[in-house]
Amino acid sequence: MVRNSPDTEKNLFSTDKEYAFRVLFDLYSKRLFTFALSMTKSSADAEEIIQECFLRLWVQWNNLPDIDSPEAFLYRMVRNRTLDHLRKISREKKMINQVWSNLSQPDRSLEELILTREYQQLIDQALSQLSPRKQQIYRLSREQEHSHEEIAAITGLSRSRVNNILSETLRFIKMHLDKHSSDLGIVFWIYAFNHFR
């Protein structure tokens, strides 16, 4: 696609919504992904942020203010969403540190808590909702303790794809556990960071 001029891009908001949205997505999605990736250091998180921002753009299209520069508007939207994401991660790390401190008791190890029957059942419930590929990669990593490189060789996927799938799977399991107990979700997150490198 030929790059539009700034004036043409500005006028996109007064043209057909689907056409204008596709033009903006084609022009900026890759650059915005690189921008978000530079801040988050996670391709999975960056991809999720870009998807959220373009979804928000689509939903709010008819209520958008006058936009002189679509490029600046999109970068500002992605920057703000990324900063929100980073602030959330920072809060979660503080919570994890607090829970870790509370759980570090001589008579109750983290391993014992992770392996309780109820906890494992909740993890299995979460896994059953995922695709066979995600289940396979999780079990290769968690249960068979294969490295990411080994999983890539077994599945025929790239190491970065394995990393992304594990990241998505861990996030989904944590969300499932959070529905039952936020402490369980945080404990899982601690355990995951210690065992899924």
N, C-alpha and C. Protein backbone atom coordinates (compact mmCIF):
# COMPACT_ATOMS: atom_id res chain seq x y z
N MET A 1 0.84 -1.19 0.00
CA MET A 1 0.00 0.00 0.00
C MET A 1 0.88 1.25 0.00
N VAL A 2 0.50 2.21 -0.85
CA VAL A 2 1.26 3.46 -0.93
C VAL A 2 0.94 4.29 0.30
N ARG A 3 1.98 4.84 0.86
CA ARG A 3 1.78 5.63 2.09
C ARG A 3 1.00 6.88 1.79
N ASN A 4 -0.01 7.14 2.58
CA ASN A 4 -0.82 8.33 2.40
C ASN A 4 -0.11 9.54 2.98
N SER A 5 -0.50 10.71 2.51
CA SER A 5 0.03 11.94 3.09
C SER A 5 -0.71 12.20 4.40
N PRO A 6 -0.12 13.04 5.29
CA PRO A 6 -0.80 13.37 6.55
C PRO A 6 -2.21 13.92 6.34
N ASP A 7 -2.38 14.78 5.30
CA ASP A 7 -3.71 15.34 5.03
C ASP A 7 -4.69 14.24 4.65
N THR A 8 -4.21 13.29 3.82
CA THR A 8 -5.08 12.18 3.41
C THR A 8 -5.46 11.33 4.59
N GLU A 9 -4.49 11.07 5.47
CA GLU A 9 -4.76 10.26 6.66
C GLU A 9 -5.78 10.96 7.56
N LYS A 10 -5.64 12.26 7.72
CA LYS A 10 -6.59 13.01 8.55
C LYS A 10 -8.00 12.86 8.00
N ASN A 11 -8.14 12.88 6.68
CA ASN A 11 -9.46 12.79 6.05
C ASN A 11 -10.04 11.38 6.10
N LEU A 12 -9.22 10.40 6.49
CA LEU A 12 -9.71 9.03 6.57
C LEU A 12 -10.91 8.91 7.51
N PHE A 13 -10.94 9.73 8.56
CA PHE A 13 -11.99 9.61 9.57
C PHE A 13 -13.35 10.07 9.04
N SER A 14 -13.33 10.71 7.89
CA SER A 14 -14.61 11.11 7.31
C SER A 14 -14.99 10.23 6.13
N THR A 15 -14.22 9.13 5.92
CA THR A 15 -14.52 8.20 4.83
C THR A 15 -15.14 6.93 5.41
N ASP A 16 -15.28 5.94 4.57
CA ASP A 16 -15.84 4.65 4.98
C ASP A 16 -15.04 4.06 6.14
N LYS A 17 -15.72 3.65 7.19
CA LYS A 17 -15.07 3.19 8.42
C LYS A 17 -14.17 1.99 8.17
N GLU A 18 -14.69 0.98 7.49
CA GLU A 18 -13.91 -0.25 7.28
C GLU A 18 -12.65 0.03 6.46
N TYR A 19 -12.81 0.82 5.41
CA TYR A 19 -11.66 1.16 4.56
C TYR A 19 -10.62 1.95 5.36
N ALA A 20 -11.08 2.96 6.08
CA ALA A 20 -10.17 3.81 6.85
C ALA A 20 -9.44 3.01 7.93
N PHE A 21 -10.18 2.15 8.61
CA PHE A 21 -9.57 1.33 9.66
C PHE A 21 -8.49 0.43 9.07
N ARG A 22 -8.77 -0.19 7.93
CA ARG A 22 -7.80 -1.08 7.29
C ARG A 22 -6.55 -0.31 6.88
N VAL A 23 -6.73 0.90 6.35
CA VAL A 23 -5.59 1.73 5.96
C VAL A 23 -4.71 2.02 7.17
N LEU A 24 -5.33 2.44 8.27
CA LEU A 24 -4.56 2.77 9.47
C LEU A 24 -3.88 1.54 10.05
N PHE A 25 -4.59 0.42 10.04
CA PHE A 25 -3.99 -0.82 10.56
C PHE A 25 -2.79 -1.23 9.72
N ASP A 26 -2.94 -1.18 8.39
CA ASP A 26 -1.84 -1.58 7.51
C ASP A 26 -0.65 -0.64 7.65
N LEU A 27 -0.93 0.64 7.83
CA LEU A 27 0.15 1.62 7.93
C LEU A 27 0.92 1.54 9.25
N TYR A 28 0.21 1.29 10.35
CA TYR A 28 0.82 1.51 11.66
C TYR A 28 0.95 0.29 12.58
N SER A 29 0.25 -0.79 12.30
CA SER A 29 0.25 -1.89 13.28
C SER A 29 1.64 -2.44 13.56
N LYS A 30 2.45 -2.63 12.53
CA LYS A 30 3.80 -3.19 12.74
C LYS A 30 4.69 -2.22 13.50
N ARG A 31 4.62 -0.94 13.15
CA ARG A 31 5.44 0.05 13.85
C ARG A 31 5.00 0.22 15.30
N LEU A 32 3.69 0.17 15.52
CA LEU A 32 3.18 0.28 16.88
C LEU A 32 3.56 -0.94 17.71
N PHE A 33 3.55 -2.11 17.06
CA PHE A 33 3.99 -3.33 17.76
C PHE A 33 5.44 -3.19 18.20
N THR A 34 6.30 -2.71 17.31
CA THR A 34 7.72 -2.51 17.65
C THR A 34 7.86 -1.52 18.79
N PHE A 35 7.06 -0.47 18.76
CA PHE A 35 7.07 0.55 19.82
C PHE A 35 6.68 -0.06 21.16
N ALA A 36 5.59 -0.83 21.18
CA ALA A 36 5.13 -1.46 22.42
C ALA A 36 6.13 -2.51 22.90
N LEU A 37 6.70 -3.24 21.95
CA LEU A 37 7.69 -4.27 22.30
C LEU A 37 8.92 -3.64 22.96
N SER A 38 9.33 -2.48 22.49
CA SER A 38 10.50 -1.81 23.07
C SER A 38 10.26 -1.43 24.53
N MET A 39 9.00 -1.25 24.90
CA MET A 39 8.68 -0.88 26.27
C MET A 39 8.40 -2.09 27.16
N THR A 40 7.72 -3.10 26.60
CA THR A 40 7.31 -4.25 27.41
C THR A 40 8.34 -5.37 27.42
N LYS A 41 9.17 -5.44 26.37
CA LYS A 41 10.15 -6.54 26.20
C LYS A 41 9.44 -7.89 26.09
N SER A 42 8.19 -7.90 25.69
CA SER A 42 7.42 -9.14 25.54
C SER A 42 6.58 -9.05 24.29
N SER A 43 6.84 -9.93 23.32
CA SER A 43 6.08 -9.88 22.07
C SER A 43 4.61 -10.23 22.31
N ALA A 44 4.33 -11.14 23.24
CA ALA A 44 2.95 -11.50 23.54
C ALA A 44 2.20 -10.31 24.14
N ASP A 45 2.83 -9.61 25.07
CA ASP A 45 2.19 -8.43 25.68
C ASP A 45 2.02 -7.31 24.66
N ALA A 46 3.04 -7.10 23.83
CA ALA A 46 2.97 -6.05 22.82
C ALA A 46 1.84 -6.33 21.83
N GLU A 47 1.71 -7.58 21.42
CA GLU A 47 0.66 -7.96 20.49
C GLU A 47 -0.72 -7.73 21.12
N GLU A 48 -0.86 -8.10 22.37
CA GLU A 48 -2.14 -7.91 23.07
C GLU A 48 -2.48 -6.43 23.18
N ILE A 49 -1.49 -5.60 23.46
CA ILE A 49 -1.71 -4.15 23.58
C ILE A 49 -2.18 -3.57 22.25
N ILE A 50 -1.53 -3.97 21.16
CA ILE A 50 -1.91 -3.46 19.84
C ILE A 50 -3.34 -3.89 19.49
N GLN A 51 -3.66 -5.14 19.77
CA GLN A 51 -5.02 -5.62 19.49
C GLN A 51 -6.05 -4.83 20.29
N GLU A 52 -5.76 -4.58 21.56
CA GLU A 52 -6.68 -3.82 22.41
C GLU A 52 -6.86 -2.40 21.89
N CYS A 53 -5.77 -1.78 21.47
CA CYS A 53 -5.85 -0.40 20.99
C CYS A 53 -6.64 -0.29 19.69
N PHE A 54 -6.41 -1.21 18.77
CA PHE A 54 -7.17 -1.14 17.51
C PHE A 54 -8.63 -1.52 17.73
N LEU A 55 -8.90 -2.42 18.66
CA LEU A 55 -10.29 -2.74 18.99
C LEU A 55 -10.98 -1.51 19.57
N ARG A 56 -10.27 -0.82 20.46
CA ARG A 56 -10.84 0.41 21.05
C ARG A 56 -11.08 1.46 19.97
N LEU A 57 -10.13 1.58 19.04
CA LEU A 57 -10.29 2.53 17.93
C LEU A 57 -11.55 2.22 17.13
N TRP A 58 -11.76 0.93 16.85
CA TRP A 58 -12.93 0.51 16.07
C TRP A 58 -14.23 0.82 16.82
N VAL A 59 -14.27 0.45 18.10
CA VAL A 59 -15.48 0.61 18.90
C VAL A 59 -15.83 2.08 19.09
N GLN A 60 -14.83 2.92 19.28
CA GLN A 60 -15.07 4.33 19.58
C GLN A 60 -15.01 5.22 18.34
N TRP A 61 -14.93 4.62 17.19
CA TRP A 61 -14.71 5.35 15.93
C TRP A 61 -15.64 6.56 15.79
N ASN A 62 -16.93 6.38 16.01
CA ASN A 62 -17.90 7.45 15.77
C ASN A 62 -17.84 8.54 16.84
N ASN A 63 -17.17 8.26 17.96
CA ASN A 63 -17.08 9.25 19.03
C ASN A 63 -15.70 9.88 19.16
N LEU A 64 -14.85 9.64 18.17
CA LEU A 64 -13.50 10.18 18.24
C LEU A 64 -13.51 11.69 18.08
N PRO A 65 -12.61 12.38 18.77
CA PRO A 65 -12.51 13.83 18.57
C PRO A 65 -11.87 14.13 17.22
N ASP A 66 -11.83 15.42 16.87
CA ASP A 66 -11.11 15.79 15.64
C ASP A 66 -9.65 15.42 15.79
N ILE A 67 -9.13 14.67 14.86
CA ILE A 67 -7.75 14.17 14.95
C ILE A 67 -6.93 14.75 13.81
N ASP A 68 -5.97 15.59 14.16
CA ASP A 68 -5.11 16.19 13.16
C ASP A 68 -4.08 15.19 12.64
N SER A 69 -3.59 14.35 13.53
CA SER A 69 -2.55 13.40 13.17
C SER A 69 -2.92 12.01 13.67
N PRO A 70 -3.46 11.15 12.80
CA PRO A 70 -3.79 9.79 13.22
C PRO A 70 -2.58 9.05 13.77
N GLU A 71 -1.40 9.29 13.19
CA GLU A 71 -0.19 8.62 13.65
C GLU A 71 0.10 8.98 15.11
N ALA A 72 0.08 10.28 15.42
CA ALA A 72 0.35 10.72 16.79
C ALA A 72 -0.72 10.19 17.74
N PHE A 73 -1.97 10.19 17.28
CA PHE A 73 -3.08 9.70 18.11
C PHE A 73 -2.87 8.22 18.45
N LEU A 74 -2.50 7.40 17.46
CA LEU A 74 -2.31 5.97 17.68
C LEU A 74 -1.11 5.71 18.59
N TYR A 75 -0.03 6.42 18.37
CA TYR A 75 1.14 6.24 19.24
C TYR A 75 0.82 6.64 20.69
N ARG A 76 0.05 7.70 20.85
CA ARG A 76 -0.32 8.12 22.20
C ARG A 76 -1.22 7.06 22.86
N MET A 77 -2.14 6.51 22.09
CA MET A 77 -3.02 5.47 22.62
C MET A 77 -2.22 4.24 23.06
N VAL A 78 -1.28 3.81 22.20
CA VAL A 78 -0.46 2.64 22.53
C VAL A 78 0.46 2.93 23.71
N ARG A 79 1.03 4.13 23.75
CA ARG A 79 1.90 4.50 24.87
C ARG A 79 1.14 4.45 26.19
N ASN A 80 -0.06 5.03 26.20
CA ASN A 80 -0.86 5.06 27.44
C ASN A 80 -1.25 3.66 27.88
N ARG A 81 -1.66 2.83 26.92
CA ARG A 81 -2.06 1.45 27.27
C ARG A 81 -0.85 0.66 27.77
N THR A 82 0.32 0.90 27.16
CA THR A 82 1.53 0.19 27.59
C THR A 82 1.94 0.62 28.98
N LEU A 83 1.85 1.90 29.28
CA LEU A 83 2.18 2.38 30.62
C LEU A 83 1.23 1.80 31.66
N ASP A 84 -0.06 1.70 31.31
CA ASP A 84 -1.02 1.06 32.22
C ASP A 84 -0.62 -0.39 32.48
N HIS A 85 -0.22 -1.07 31.42
CA HIS A 85 0.20 -2.47 31.53
C HIS A 85 1.43 -2.60 32.43
N LEU A 86 2.40 -1.72 32.25
CA LEU A 86 3.62 -1.78 33.06
C LEU A 86 3.33 -1.46 34.52
N ARG A 87 2.42 -0.51 34.76
CA ARG A 87 2.05 -0.21 36.15
C ARG A 87 1.37 -1.41 36.80
N LYS A 88 0.54 -2.11 36.03
CA LYS A 88 -0.13 -3.29 36.56
C LYS A 88 0.88 -4.37 36.91
N ILE A 89 1.87 -4.58 36.04
CA ILE A 89 2.91 -5.57 36.31
C ILE A 89 3.68 -5.20 37.57
N SER A 90 3.97 -3.92 37.73
CA SER A 90 4.69 -3.47 38.91
C SER A 90 3.91 -3.77 40.18
N ARG A 91 2.58 -3.52 40.14
CA ARG A 91 1.75 -3.82 41.30
C ARG A 91 1.74 -5.32 41.59
N GLU A 92 1.66 -6.13 40.52
CA GLU A 92 1.64 -7.59 40.70
C GLU A 92 2.94 -8.08 41.31
N LYS A 93 4.05 -7.50 40.90
CA LYS A 93 5.34 -7.92 41.46
C LYS A 93 5.40 -7.62 42.95
N LYS A 94 4.86 -6.45 43.35
CA LYS A 94 4.83 -6.12 44.77
C LYS A 94 3.97 -7.11 45.54
N MET A 95 2.82 -7.48 44.94
CA MET A 95 1.94 -8.46 45.59
C MET A 95 2.63 -9.81 45.70
N ILE A 96 3.32 -10.21 44.62
CA ILE A 96 4.02 -11.49 44.63
C ILE A 96 5.07 -11.52 45.73
N ASN A 97 5.82 -10.44 45.85
CA ASN A 97 6.84 -10.37 46.90
C ASN A 97 6.21 -10.49 48.29
N GLN A 98 5.05 -9.86 48.47
CA GLN A 98 4.38 -9.94 49.77
C GLN A 98 3.89 -11.35 50.06
N VAL A 99 3.27 -11.98 49.05
CA VAL A 99 2.78 -13.36 49.23
C VAL A 99 3.94 -14.30 49.47
N TRP A 100 5.01 -14.12 48.72
CA TRP A 100 6.20 -14.96 48.90
C TRP A 100 6.70 -14.86 50.33
N SER A 101 6.72 -13.66 50.87
CA SER A 101 7.16 -13.45 52.24
C SER A 101 6.24 -14.17 53.22
N ASN A 102 4.92 -14.10 52.96
CA ASN A 102 3.95 -14.75 53.85
C ASN A 102 4.03 -16.27 53.78
N LEU A 103 4.40 -16.78 52.59
CA LEU A 103 4.42 -18.24 52.40
C LEU A 103 5.73 -18.88 52.83
N SER A 104 6.74 -18.07 53.04
CA SER A 104 8.07 -18.61 53.36
C SER A 104 8.14 -19.01 54.83
N GLN A 105 7.40 -20.05 55.16
CA GLN A 105 7.39 -20.57 56.52
C GLN A 105 8.04 -21.94 56.52
N PRO A 106 8.80 -22.29 57.55
CA PRO A 106 9.55 -23.54 57.58
C PRO A 106 8.68 -24.78 57.41
N ASP A 107 7.43 -24.73 57.90
CA ASP A 107 6.62 -25.93 57.89
C ASP A 107 5.69 -26.03 56.68
N ARG A 108 5.79 -25.07 55.75
CA ARG A 108 4.90 -25.12 54.59
C ARG A 108 5.60 -24.54 53.37
N SER A 109 6.16 -25.39 52.56
CA SER A 109 6.92 -24.93 51.41
C SER A 109 5.99 -24.61 50.25
N LEU A 110 6.49 -23.79 49.34
CA LEU A 110 5.71 -23.44 48.14
C LEU A 110 5.41 -24.68 47.33
N GLU A 111 6.37 -25.61 47.23
CA GLU A 111 6.16 -26.84 46.45
C GLU A 111 4.96 -27.63 46.99
N GLU A 112 4.85 -27.71 48.32
CA GLU A 112 3.75 -28.46 48.91
C GLU A 112 2.40 -27.83 48.57
N LEU A 113 2.37 -26.50 48.59
CA LEU A 113 1.13 -25.81 48.27
C LEU A 113 0.75 -26.03 46.81
N ILE A 114 1.73 -25.94 45.91
CA ILE A 114 1.47 -26.11 44.49
C ILE A 114 0.90 -27.50 44.19
N LEU A 115 1.38 -28.51 44.90
CA LEU A 115 1.03 -29.89 44.58
C LEU A 115 -0.22 -30.38 45.29
N THR A 116 -0.93 -29.52 45.99
CA THR A 116 -2.16 -29.97 46.62
C THR A 116 -3.16 -30.39 45.56
N ARG A 117 -4.01 -31.32 45.92
CA ARG A 117 -4.96 -31.89 44.95
C ARG A 117 -5.90 -30.83 44.39
N GLU A 118 -6.44 -29.98 45.25
CA GLU A 118 -7.39 -28.97 44.78
C GLU A 118 -6.74 -28.02 43.79
N TYR A 119 -5.52 -27.61 44.09
CA TYR A 119 -4.79 -26.69 43.22
C TYR A 119 -4.55 -27.31 41.85
N GLN A 120 -4.12 -28.57 41.85
CA GLN A 120 -3.84 -29.24 40.58
C GLN A 120 -5.11 -29.43 39.76
N GLN A 121 -6.23 -29.69 40.45
CA GLN A 121 -7.50 -29.84 39.74
C GLN A 121 -7.89 -28.54 39.04
N LEU A 122 -7.66 -27.42 39.70
CA LEU A 122 -7.97 -26.13 39.08
C LEU A 122 -7.09 -25.87 37.86
N ILE A 123 -5.82 -26.24 37.96
CA ILE A 123 -4.93 -26.09 36.80
C ILE A 123 -5.40 -26.98 35.66
N ASP A 124 -5.79 -28.23 35.97
CA ASP A 124 -6.28 -29.14 34.94
C ASP A 124 -7.55 -28.60 34.29
N GLN A 125 -8.42 -27.99 35.09
CA GLN A 125 -9.63 -27.39 34.54
C GLN A 125 -9.29 -26.30 33.53
N ALA A 126 -8.33 -25.46 33.91
CA ALA A 126 -7.91 -24.38 33.02
C ALA A 126 -7.32 -24.95 31.73
N LEU A 127 -6.46 -25.94 31.87
CA LEU A 127 -5.81 -26.54 30.69
C LEU A 127 -6.83 -27.15 29.74
N SER A 128 -7.89 -27.75 30.30
CA SER A 128 -8.88 -28.43 29.46
C SER A 128 -9.60 -27.46 28.53
N GLN A 129 -9.53 -26.16 28.84
CA GLN A 129 -10.18 -25.15 28.01
C GLN A 129 -9.26 -24.64 26.89
N LEU A 130 -8.01 -25.09 26.90
CA LEU A 130 -7.03 -24.63 25.91
C LEU A 130 -6.89 -25.63 24.77
N SER A 131 -6.24 -25.19 23.72
CA SER A 131 -6.03 -26.06 22.56
C SER A 131 -5.07 -27.19 22.92
N PRO A 132 -5.14 -28.32 22.18
CA PRO A 132 -4.21 -29.42 22.43
C PRO A 132 -2.76 -29.00 22.35
N ARG A 133 -2.42 -28.07 21.45
CA ARG A 133 -1.05 -27.61 21.30
C ARG A 133 -0.58 -26.90 22.58
N LYS A 134 -1.42 -26.02 23.13
CA LYS A 134 -1.04 -25.31 24.35
C LYS A 134 -0.91 -26.27 25.52
N GLN A 135 -1.83 -27.24 25.60
CA GLN A 135 -1.74 -28.24 26.66
C GLN A 135 -0.43 -29.02 26.55
N GLN A 136 -0.09 -29.43 25.32
CA GLN A 136 1.13 -30.20 25.10
C GLN A 136 2.36 -29.42 25.55
N ILE A 137 2.45 -28.16 25.14
CA ILE A 137 3.63 -27.36 25.46
C ILE A 137 3.71 -27.10 26.96
N TYR A 138 2.58 -26.84 27.59
CA TYR A 138 2.58 -26.64 29.05
C TYR A 138 3.09 -27.90 29.76
N ARG A 139 2.56 -29.06 29.36
CA ARG A 139 2.94 -30.31 30.04
C ARG A 139 4.39 -30.68 29.77
N LEU A 140 4.87 -30.41 28.55
CA LEU A 140 6.29 -30.66 28.26
C LEU A 140 7.18 -29.81 29.17
N SER A 141 6.75 -28.59 29.42
CA SER A 141 7.54 -27.69 30.25
C SER A 141 7.36 -27.97 31.73
N ARG A 142 6.11 -28.08 32.17
CA ARG A 142 5.82 -28.19 33.60
C ARG A 142 6.02 -29.61 34.14
N GLU A 143 5.47 -30.59 33.43
CA GLU A 143 5.48 -31.95 33.97
C GLU A 143 6.72 -32.75 33.56
N GLN A 144 7.22 -32.48 32.35
CA GLN A 144 8.39 -33.23 31.89
C GLN A 144 9.68 -32.42 31.99
N GLU A 145 9.55 -31.17 32.38
CA GLU A 145 10.68 -30.28 32.66
C GLU A 145 11.65 -30.13 31.48
N HIS A 146 11.08 -30.04 30.28
CA HIS A 146 11.90 -29.77 29.10
C HIS A 146 12.19 -28.28 29.02
N SER A 147 13.35 -27.93 28.49
CA SER A 147 13.68 -26.52 28.27
C SER A 147 12.89 -26.03 27.05
N HIS A 148 12.87 -24.71 26.87
CA HIS A 148 12.17 -24.15 25.73
C HIS A 148 12.80 -24.63 24.42
N GLU A 149 14.10 -24.76 24.40
CA GLU A 149 14.78 -25.25 23.19
C GLU A 149 14.36 -26.68 22.88
N GLU A 150 14.27 -27.51 23.91
CA GLU A 150 13.85 -28.90 23.71
C GLU A 150 12.41 -28.99 23.23
N ILE A 151 11.56 -28.15 23.79
CA ILE A 151 10.15 -28.14 23.36
C ILE A 151 10.05 -27.70 21.91
N ALA A 152 10.85 -26.72 21.53
CA ALA A 152 10.85 -26.27 20.14
C ALA A 152 11.25 -27.41 19.21
N ALA A 153 12.25 -28.19 19.60
CA ALA A 153 12.69 -29.32 18.78
C ALA A 153 11.62 -30.39 18.71
N ILE A 154 10.94 -30.67 19.81
CA ILE A 154 9.91 -31.70 19.85
C ILE A 154 8.69 -31.32 19.01
N THR A 155 8.29 -30.06 19.11
CA THR A 155 7.05 -29.61 18.45
C THR A 155 7.26 -29.08 17.04
N GLY A 156 8.52 -28.75 16.71
CA GLY A 156 8.79 -28.17 15.39
C GLY A 156 8.49 -26.69 15.33
N LEU A 157 8.25 -26.08 16.48
CA LEU A 157 8.00 -24.63 16.53
C LEU A 157 9.30 -23.89 16.83
N SER A 158 9.29 -22.59 16.59
CA SER A 158 10.45 -21.79 16.96
C SER A 158 10.46 -21.58 18.47
N ARG A 159 11.64 -21.26 19.00
CA ARG A 159 11.74 -21.03 20.44
C ARG A 159 10.89 -19.83 20.85
N SER A 160 10.86 -18.79 20.02
CA SER A 160 10.07 -17.61 20.37
C SER A 160 8.58 -17.95 20.39
N ARG A 161 8.14 -18.82 19.47
CA ARG A 161 6.73 -19.23 19.46
C ARG A 161 6.40 -20.04 20.71
N VAL A 162 7.32 -20.92 21.11
CA VAL A 162 7.13 -21.68 22.35
C VAL A 162 7.02 -20.72 23.53
N ASN A 163 7.90 -19.73 23.60
CA ASN A 163 7.86 -18.73 24.68
C ASN A 163 6.50 -18.03 24.72
N ASN A 164 6.02 -17.62 23.53
CA ASN A 164 4.75 -16.90 23.47
C ASN A 164 3.59 -17.79 23.92
N ILE A 165 3.58 -19.05 23.46
CA ILE A 165 2.50 -19.96 23.84
C ILE A 165 2.52 -20.21 25.34
N LEU A 166 3.70 -20.42 25.90
CA LEU A 166 3.79 -20.63 27.35
C LEU A 166 3.31 -19.39 28.11
N SER A 167 3.70 -18.22 27.63
CA SER A 167 3.28 -16.98 28.27
C SER A 167 1.76 -16.84 28.25
N GLU A 168 1.15 -17.11 27.09
CA GLU A 168 -0.31 -17.04 26.96
C GLU A 168 -0.98 -18.07 27.87
N THR A 169 -0.42 -19.28 27.92
CA THR A 169 -0.99 -20.35 28.73
C THR A 169 -0.92 -20.01 30.21
N LEU A 170 0.23 -19.52 30.65
CA LEU A 170 0.40 -19.16 32.05
C LEU A 170 -0.57 -18.03 32.43
N ARG A 171 -0.74 -17.07 31.53
CA ARG A 171 -1.64 -15.96 31.82
C ARG A 171 -3.08 -16.46 31.96
N PHE A 172 -3.45 -17.40 31.08
CA PHE A 172 -4.81 -17.95 31.13
C PHE A 172 -5.04 -18.73 32.41
N ILE A 173 -4.06 -19.58 32.79
CA ILE A 173 -4.19 -20.37 34.02
C ILE A 173 -4.30 -19.45 35.23
N LYS A 174 -3.47 -18.41 35.27
CA LYS A 174 -3.52 -17.47 36.40
C LYS A 174 -4.89 -16.82 36.49
N MET A 175 -5.47 -16.41 35.34
CA MET A 175 -6.80 -15.80 35.34
C MET A 175 -7.83 -16.79 35.88
N HIS A 176 -7.70 -18.06 35.49
CA HIS A 176 -8.63 -19.09 35.96
C HIS A 176 -8.50 -19.26 37.48
N LEU A 177 -7.28 -19.30 37.98
CA LEU A 177 -7.06 -19.46 39.41
C LEU A 177 -7.54 -18.23 40.18
N ASP A 178 -7.35 -17.05 39.58
CA ASP A 178 -7.79 -15.82 40.25
C ASP A 178 -9.30 -15.83 40.53
N LYS A 179 -10.06 -16.53 39.66
CA LYS A 179 -11.51 -16.59 39.86
C LYS A 179 -11.86 -17.34 41.14
N HIS A 180 -10.98 -18.25 41.54
CA HIS A 180 -11.21 -19.04 42.75
C HIS A 180 -10.53 -18.43 43.97
N SER A 181 -9.35 -17.88 43.76
CA SER A 181 -8.62 -17.26 44.86
C SER A 181 -7.46 -16.46 44.29
N SER A 182 -7.42 -15.16 44.62
CA SER A 182 -6.33 -14.34 44.09
C SER A 182 -4.98 -14.83 44.61
N ASP A 183 -4.97 -15.38 45.84
CA ASP A 183 -3.72 -15.90 46.38
C ASP A 183 -3.21 -17.08 45.57
N LEU A 184 -4.14 -17.96 45.14
CA LEU A 184 -3.74 -19.10 44.31
C LEU A 184 -3.12 -18.61 43.00
N GLY A 185 -3.74 -17.59 42.40
CA GLY A 185 -3.21 -17.06 41.15
C GLY A 185 -1.82 -16.49 41.33
N ILE A 186 -1.61 -15.78 42.41
CA ILE A 186 -0.30 -15.17 42.66
C ILE A 186 0.74 -16.24 42.95
N VAL A 187 0.35 -17.26 43.74
CA VAL A 187 1.28 -18.35 44.03
C VAL A 187 1.67 -19.07 42.74
N PHE A 188 0.68 -19.30 41.86
CA PHE A 188 0.99 -19.94 40.58
C PHE A 188 1.99 -19.09 39.81
N TRP A 189 1.80 -17.77 39.82
CA TRP A 189 2.69 -16.87 39.08
C TRP A 189 4.12 -16.97 39.61
N ILE A 190 4.26 -17.02 40.94
CA ILE A 190 5.58 -17.18 41.53
C ILE A 190 6.20 -18.49 41.06
N TYR A 191 5.44 -19.54 41.15
CA TYR A 191 5.93 -20.87 40.76
C TYR A 191 6.30 -20.90 39.28
N ALA A 192 5.45 -20.28 38.46
CA ALA A 192 5.69 -20.27 37.02
C ALA A 192 7.00 -19.57 36.69
N PHE A 193 7.24 -18.40 37.31
CA PHE A 193 8.46 -17.66 37.04
C PHE A 193 9.69 -18.44 37.46
N ASN A 194 9.55 -19.29 38.48
CA ASN A 194 10.69 -20.06 38.95
C ASN A 194 10.94 -21.32 38.13
N HIS A 195 9.96 -21.76 37.34
CA HIS A 195 10.07 -23.05 36.66
C HIS A 195 9.88 -22.99 35.15
N PHE A 196 9.60 -21.83 34.57
CA PHE A 196 9.34 -21.77 33.15
C PHE A 196 10.29 -20.82 32.45
N ARG A 197 11.53 -20.92 32.74
CA ARG A 197 12.52 -20.04 32.08
C ARG A 197 13.15 -20.76 30.90
